[in-house]
């Protein structure tokens, strides 16, 4: 294996588009909602929200695209940093809640079974 998340991997998007064109176009159009300029949420905040979601979903390509979009929309370095830390805090919360779920499952699997 050559490695993960190589920047040149985006070339494989062509394969996805060719193999599933209708689905690809639907996905591409859905992503365009971030670029809306006249919504109730200003474009800069849309990009910062998208950036936070990219952190929590751990999509490196989304991080790249929405960091660029945030810069273009006028976000500051401090706003991007705070967005990253807010996303990290929420991701940590999800880790803790999954920890509780793991403990629950452990208890369930450790309980004596009735025969």
N, C-alpha and C. Protein backbone atom coordinates (compact mmCIF):
# COMPACT_ATOMS: atom_id res chain seq x y z
N UNK A 1 0.85 -1.18 0.00
CA UNK A 1 0.00 0.00 0.00
C UNK A 1 0.89 1.24 0.00
N UNK A 2 0.50 2.24 -0.75
CA UNK A 2 1.32 3.44 -0.87
C UNK A 2 1.09 4.44 0.25
N UNK A 3 -0.06 4.44 0.88
CA UNK A 3 -0.31 5.38 1.97
C UNK A 3 -1.70 5.97 1.87
N UNK A 4 -2.08 6.66 2.95
CA UNK A 4 -3.40 7.26 3.04
C UNK A 4 -3.33 8.75 2.78
N UNK A 5 -4.41 9.30 2.29
CA UNK A 5 -4.60 10.75 2.16
C UNK A 5 -3.51 11.44 1.36
N UNK A 6 -3.08 10.82 0.30
CA UNK A 6 -2.15 11.49 -0.60
C UNK A 6 -2.94 12.52 -1.40
N UNK A 7 -2.42 13.72 -1.53
CA UNK A 7 -3.16 14.78 -2.21
C UNK A 7 -3.57 14.38 -3.63
N UNK A 8 -2.76 13.56 -4.26
CA UNK A 8 -3.07 13.14 -5.63
C UNK A 8 -4.23 12.15 -5.70
N UNK A 9 -4.70 11.67 -4.55
CA UNK A 9 -5.83 10.73 -4.54
C UNK A 9 -7.11 11.33 -5.10
N UNK A 10 -7.20 12.64 -5.14
CA UNK A 10 -8.42 13.27 -5.67
C UNK A 10 -8.67 12.88 -7.13
N UNK A 11 -7.63 12.39 -7.80
CA UNK A 11 -7.83 11.95 -9.19
C UNK A 11 -8.84 10.81 -9.28
N UNK A 12 -9.02 10.07 -8.18
CA UNK A 12 -9.98 8.97 -8.18
C UNK A 12 -11.43 9.45 -8.15
N UNK A 13 -11.63 10.72 -7.89
CA UNK A 13 -12.98 11.29 -7.97
C UNK A 13 -13.54 11.11 -9.38
N UNK A 14 -12.67 11.17 -10.37
CA UNK A 14 -13.13 10.96 -11.75
C UNK A 14 -13.75 9.57 -11.90
N UNK A 15 -13.12 8.58 -11.27
CA UNK A 15 -13.66 7.21 -11.34
C UNK A 15 -15.03 7.13 -10.68
N UNK A 16 -15.16 7.81 -9.54
CA UNK A 16 -16.45 7.80 -8.85
C UNK A 16 -17.50 8.49 -9.71
N UNK A 17 -17.14 9.64 -10.28
CA UNK A 17 -18.10 10.39 -11.12
C UNK A 17 -18.52 9.57 -12.33
N UNK A 18 -17.56 8.89 -12.96
CA UNK A 18 -17.86 8.09 -14.15
C UNK A 18 -18.71 6.87 -13.79
N UNK A 19 -18.44 6.27 -12.65
CA UNK A 19 -19.12 5.04 -12.26
C UNK A 19 -20.50 5.27 -11.65
N UNK A 20 -20.70 6.46 -11.05
CA UNK A 20 -21.99 6.77 -10.42
C UNK A 20 -22.33 8.24 -10.68
N UNK A 21 -22.56 8.60 -11.94
CA UNK A 21 -22.72 10.02 -12.28
C UNK A 21 -23.91 10.71 -11.62
N UNK A 22 -25.03 10.06 -11.55
CA UNK A 22 -26.22 10.68 -10.95
C UNK A 22 -25.99 10.94 -9.46
N UNK A 23 -25.47 9.95 -8.77
CA UNK A 23 -25.20 10.08 -7.35
C UNK A 23 -24.11 11.11 -7.08
N UNK A 24 -23.10 11.12 -7.93
CA UNK A 24 -22.01 12.09 -7.78
C UNK A 24 -22.54 13.51 -7.93
N UNK A 25 -23.35 13.74 -8.94
CA UNK A 25 -23.90 15.08 -9.16
C UNK A 25 -24.80 15.52 -8.00
N UNK A 26 -25.58 14.58 -7.45
CA UNK A 26 -26.43 14.90 -6.30
C UNK A 26 -25.56 15.30 -5.11
N UNK A 27 -24.50 14.56 -4.87
CA UNK A 27 -23.57 14.88 -3.78
C UNK A 27 -22.92 16.24 -4.01
N UNK A 28 -22.47 16.48 -5.22
CA UNK A 28 -21.81 17.75 -5.53
C UNK A 28 -22.77 18.92 -5.35
N UNK A 29 -24.00 18.77 -5.78
CA UNK A 29 -24.99 19.84 -5.60
C UNK A 29 -25.33 20.07 -4.13
N UNK A 30 -25.37 19.01 -3.34
CA UNK A 30 -25.63 19.16 -1.91
C UNK A 30 -24.54 19.99 -1.24
N UNK A 31 -23.30 19.74 -1.60
CA UNK A 31 -22.18 20.48 -1.02
C UNK A 31 -22.23 21.97 -1.35
N UNK A 32 -22.91 22.31 -2.44
CA UNK A 32 -22.98 23.72 -2.86
C UNK A 32 -23.77 24.59 -1.89
N UNK A 33 -24.53 23.99 -0.96
CA UNK A 33 -25.27 24.82 -0.01
C UNK A 33 -24.34 25.63 0.89
N UNK A 34 -23.11 25.16 1.04
CA UNK A 34 -22.15 25.93 1.84
C UNK A 34 -21.85 27.26 1.16
N UNK A 35 -21.90 27.30 -0.14
CA UNK A 35 -21.52 28.49 -0.90
C UNK A 35 -22.64 29.51 -1.08
N UNK A 36 -23.79 29.26 -0.51
CA UNK A 36 -24.91 30.19 -0.64
C UNK A 36 -24.53 31.54 -0.03
N UNK A 37 -24.77 32.60 -0.75
CA UNK A 37 -24.41 33.95 -0.31
C UNK A 37 -25.57 34.70 0.33
N UNK A 38 -26.81 34.31 0.02
CA UNK A 38 -27.95 35.10 0.48
C UNK A 38 -28.84 34.35 1.48
N UNK A 39 -28.26 33.38 2.19
CA UNK A 39 -29.03 32.65 3.19
C UNK A 39 -29.08 33.40 4.51
N UNK A 40 -29.84 32.90 5.44
CA UNK A 40 -29.92 33.51 6.77
C UNK A 40 -28.58 33.41 7.49
N UNK A 41 -27.80 32.37 7.20
CA UNK A 41 -26.46 32.22 7.78
C UNK A 41 -25.46 32.78 6.76
N UNK A 42 -24.67 33.77 7.16
CA UNK A 42 -23.69 34.35 6.23
C UNK A 42 -22.67 33.31 5.75
N UNK A 43 -22.13 33.54 4.59
CA UNK A 43 -21.19 32.60 3.95
C UNK A 43 -20.02 32.25 4.86
N UNK A 44 -19.45 33.23 5.55
CA UNK A 44 -18.30 32.95 6.42
C UNK A 44 -18.68 31.92 7.48
N UNK A 45 -19.86 32.09 8.08
CA UNK A 45 -20.28 31.15 9.11
C UNK A 45 -20.60 29.78 8.53
N UNK A 46 -21.12 29.76 7.31
CA UNK A 46 -21.36 28.49 6.63
C UNK A 46 -20.04 27.72 6.47
N UNK A 47 -19.00 28.44 6.07
CA UNK A 47 -17.70 27.80 5.89
C UNK A 47 -17.13 27.33 7.23
N UNK A 48 -17.30 28.13 8.28
CA UNK A 48 -16.80 27.72 9.60
C UNK A 48 -17.57 26.51 10.13
N UNK A 49 -18.87 26.48 9.89
CA UNK A 49 -19.67 25.30 10.28
C UNK A 49 -19.19 24.08 9.50
N UNK A 50 -19.00 24.25 8.20
CA UNK A 50 -18.52 23.15 7.36
C UNK A 50 -17.15 22.68 7.83
N UNK A 51 -16.31 23.61 8.22
CA UNK A 51 -14.98 23.27 8.73
C UNK A 51 -15.09 22.47 10.03
N UNK A 52 -15.98 22.87 10.91
CA UNK A 52 -16.19 22.14 12.16
C UNK A 52 -16.68 20.72 11.88
N UNK A 53 -17.61 20.59 10.95
CA UNK A 53 -18.11 19.26 10.60
C UNK A 53 -17.00 18.43 9.98
N UNK A 54 -16.18 19.04 9.15
CA UNK A 54 -15.05 18.33 8.55
C UNK A 54 -14.11 17.79 9.63
N UNK A 55 -13.93 18.57 10.68
CA UNK A 55 -13.11 18.09 11.80
C UNK A 55 -13.74 16.86 12.44
N UNK A 56 -15.03 16.93 12.69
CA UNK A 56 -15.67 15.82 13.40
C UNK A 56 -15.81 14.58 12.52
N UNK A 57 -15.97 14.76 11.22
CA UNK A 57 -16.04 13.60 10.33
C UNK A 57 -14.65 13.16 9.88
N UNK A 58 -13.65 13.96 10.18
CA UNK A 58 -12.24 13.68 9.88
C UNK A 58 -11.99 13.52 8.38
N UNK A 59 -12.61 14.36 7.60
CA UNK A 59 -12.41 14.36 6.15
C UNK A 59 -11.31 15.36 5.80
N UNK A 60 -10.13 14.85 5.47
CA UNK A 60 -9.01 15.76 5.19
C UNK A 60 -9.25 16.62 3.96
N UNK A 61 -9.97 16.07 2.99
CA UNK A 61 -10.24 16.84 1.78
C UNK A 61 -11.24 17.96 2.06
N UNK A 62 -12.22 17.67 2.92
CA UNK A 62 -13.18 18.69 3.33
C UNK A 62 -12.49 19.78 4.15
N UNK A 63 -11.56 19.39 5.00
CA UNK A 63 -10.79 20.37 5.77
C UNK A 63 -10.09 21.34 4.83
N UNK A 64 -9.46 20.79 3.81
CA UNK A 64 -8.74 21.61 2.84
C UNK A 64 -9.71 22.55 2.12
N UNK A 65 -10.80 21.99 1.60
CA UNK A 65 -11.75 22.80 0.83
C UNK A 65 -12.39 23.89 1.68
N UNK A 66 -12.79 23.56 2.91
CA UNK A 66 -13.50 24.55 3.71
C UNK A 66 -12.57 25.52 4.44
N UNK A 67 -11.31 25.14 4.64
CA UNK A 67 -10.33 26.12 5.13
C UNK A 67 -10.11 27.17 4.04
N UNK A 68 -10.01 26.72 2.80
CA UNK A 68 -9.87 27.65 1.68
C UNK A 68 -11.12 28.52 1.55
N UNK A 69 -12.29 27.89 1.69
CA UNK A 69 -13.54 28.65 1.62
C UNK A 69 -13.65 29.66 2.74
N UNK A 70 -13.19 29.29 3.93
CA UNK A 70 -13.24 30.22 5.07
C UNK A 70 -12.35 31.42 4.82
N UNK A 71 -11.17 31.19 4.29
CA UNK A 71 -10.26 32.31 3.96
C UNK A 71 -10.92 33.22 2.93
N UNK A 72 -11.48 32.62 1.89
CA UNK A 72 -12.13 33.39 0.83
C UNK A 72 -13.32 34.20 1.37
N UNK A 73 -14.02 33.64 2.37
CA UNK A 73 -15.20 34.30 2.94
C UNK A 73 -14.83 35.32 4.02
N UNK A 74 -13.53 35.47 4.30
CA UNK A 74 -13.09 36.49 5.24
C UNK A 74 -12.88 36.03 6.67
N UNK A 75 -12.84 34.73 6.90
CA UNK A 75 -12.60 34.24 8.26
C UNK A 75 -11.17 34.54 8.67
N UNK A 76 -10.99 34.76 9.96
CA UNK A 76 -9.65 35.04 10.48
C UNK A 76 -8.99 33.73 10.95
N UNK A 77 -7.71 33.80 11.16
CA UNK A 77 -6.96 32.66 11.70
C UNK A 77 -7.51 32.27 13.07
N UNK A 78 -7.86 33.26 13.87
CA UNK A 78 -8.41 33.02 15.20
C UNK A 78 -9.77 32.31 15.12
N UNK A 79 -10.60 32.70 14.15
CA UNK A 79 -11.91 32.05 13.98
C UNK A 79 -11.74 30.59 13.58
N UNK A 80 -10.79 30.34 12.70
CA UNK A 80 -10.54 28.96 12.27
C UNK A 80 -10.00 28.14 13.45
N UNK A 81 -9.11 28.73 14.24
CA UNK A 81 -8.57 28.03 15.41
C UNK A 81 -9.67 27.71 16.41
N UNK A 82 -10.53 28.69 16.69
CA UNK A 82 -11.64 28.45 17.64
C UNK A 82 -12.60 27.40 17.10
N UNK A 83 -12.86 27.44 15.81
CA UNK A 83 -13.72 26.43 15.18
C UNK A 83 -13.13 25.04 15.39
N UNK A 84 -11.82 24.93 15.21
CA UNK A 84 -11.15 23.64 15.39
C UNK A 84 -11.28 23.15 16.82
N UNK A 85 -11.13 24.05 17.78
CA UNK A 85 -11.21 23.66 19.18
C UNK A 85 -12.64 23.34 19.61
N UNK A 86 -13.62 24.06 19.06
CA UNK A 86 -15.02 23.74 19.34
C UNK A 86 -15.35 22.34 18.80
N UNK A 87 -14.90 22.07 17.60
CA UNK A 87 -15.14 20.74 17.02
C UNK A 87 -14.44 19.66 17.84
N UNK A 88 -13.23 19.93 18.29
CA UNK A 88 -12.49 18.96 19.10
C UNK A 88 -13.22 18.70 20.41
N UNK A 89 -13.77 19.75 21.02
CA UNK A 89 -14.50 19.58 22.27
C UNK A 89 -15.73 18.70 22.07
N UNK A 90 -16.45 18.92 20.98
CA UNK A 90 -17.64 18.11 20.71
C UNK A 90 -17.25 16.68 20.34
N UNK A 91 -16.16 16.53 19.63
CA UNK A 91 -15.68 15.18 19.29
C UNK A 91 -15.29 14.45 20.56
N UNK A 92 -14.68 15.16 21.51
CA UNK A 92 -14.31 14.54 22.78
C UNK A 92 -15.56 14.11 23.54
N UNK A 93 -16.61 14.92 23.47
CA UNK A 93 -17.87 14.55 24.11
C UNK A 93 -18.42 13.26 23.52
N UNK A 94 -18.31 13.13 22.21
CA UNK A 94 -18.77 11.90 21.57
C UNK A 94 -17.92 10.72 22.02
N UNK A 95 -16.63 10.95 22.20
CA UNK A 95 -15.76 9.88 22.70
C UNK A 95 -16.18 9.45 24.10
N UNK A 96 -16.49 10.41 24.95
CA UNK A 96 -16.92 10.10 26.31
C UNK A 96 -18.27 9.35 26.30
N UNK A 97 -19.19 9.79 25.46
CA UNK A 97 -20.50 9.12 25.43
C UNK A 97 -20.36 7.70 24.87
N UNK A 98 -19.45 7.50 23.92
CA UNK A 98 -19.22 6.14 23.43
C UNK A 98 -18.52 5.30 24.51
N UNK A 99 -17.71 5.96 25.34
CA UNK A 99 -17.10 5.26 26.47
C UNK A 99 -18.16 4.75 27.42
N UNK A 100 -19.18 5.59 27.69
CA UNK A 100 -20.28 5.15 28.55
C UNK A 100 -21.01 3.96 27.93
N UNK A 101 -21.22 4.02 26.61
CA UNK A 101 -21.89 2.93 25.92
C UNK A 101 -21.06 1.65 26.00
N UNK A 102 -19.74 1.78 25.86
CA UNK A 102 -18.85 0.61 25.98
C UNK A 102 -18.96 0.00 27.37
N UNK A 103 -19.03 0.85 28.40
CA UNK A 103 -19.18 0.35 29.77
C UNK A 103 -20.52 -0.38 29.94
N UNK A 104 -21.58 0.17 29.35
CA UNK A 104 -22.90 -0.46 29.41
C UNK A 104 -22.84 -1.84 28.76
N UNK A 105 -22.23 -1.91 27.56
CA UNK A 105 -22.13 -3.19 26.86
C UNK A 105 -21.27 -4.17 27.66
N UNK A 106 -20.20 -3.68 28.26
CA UNK A 106 -19.35 -4.53 29.07
C UNK A 106 -20.17 -5.14 30.21
N UNK A 107 -20.94 -4.29 30.88
CA UNK A 107 -21.80 -4.78 31.97
C UNK A 107 -22.77 -5.84 31.47
N UNK A 108 -23.41 -5.54 30.33
CA UNK A 108 -24.38 -6.49 29.78
C UNK A 108 -23.73 -7.83 29.43
N UNK A 109 -22.53 -7.78 28.87
CA UNK A 109 -21.85 -9.00 28.45
C UNK A 109 -21.20 -9.72 29.64
N UNK A 110 -20.99 -9.02 30.73
CA UNK A 110 -20.39 -9.61 31.93
C UNK A 110 -21.42 -10.21 32.87
N UNK A 111 -22.67 -9.85 32.71
CA UNK A 111 -23.71 -10.33 33.61
C UNK A 111 -23.90 -11.83 33.43
N UNK A 112 -24.13 -12.50 34.54
CA UNK A 112 -24.38 -13.95 34.44
C UNK A 112 -25.63 -14.21 33.59
N UNK A 113 -25.55 -15.21 32.78
CA UNK A 113 -26.70 -15.55 31.93
C UNK A 113 -27.52 -16.62 32.60
N UNK A 114 -28.81 -16.52 32.40
CA UNK A 114 -29.72 -17.51 32.95
C UNK A 114 -29.82 -18.67 31.97
N UNK A 115 -29.72 -19.85 32.50
CA UNK A 115 -29.79 -21.02 31.61
C UNK A 115 -31.01 -21.84 31.89
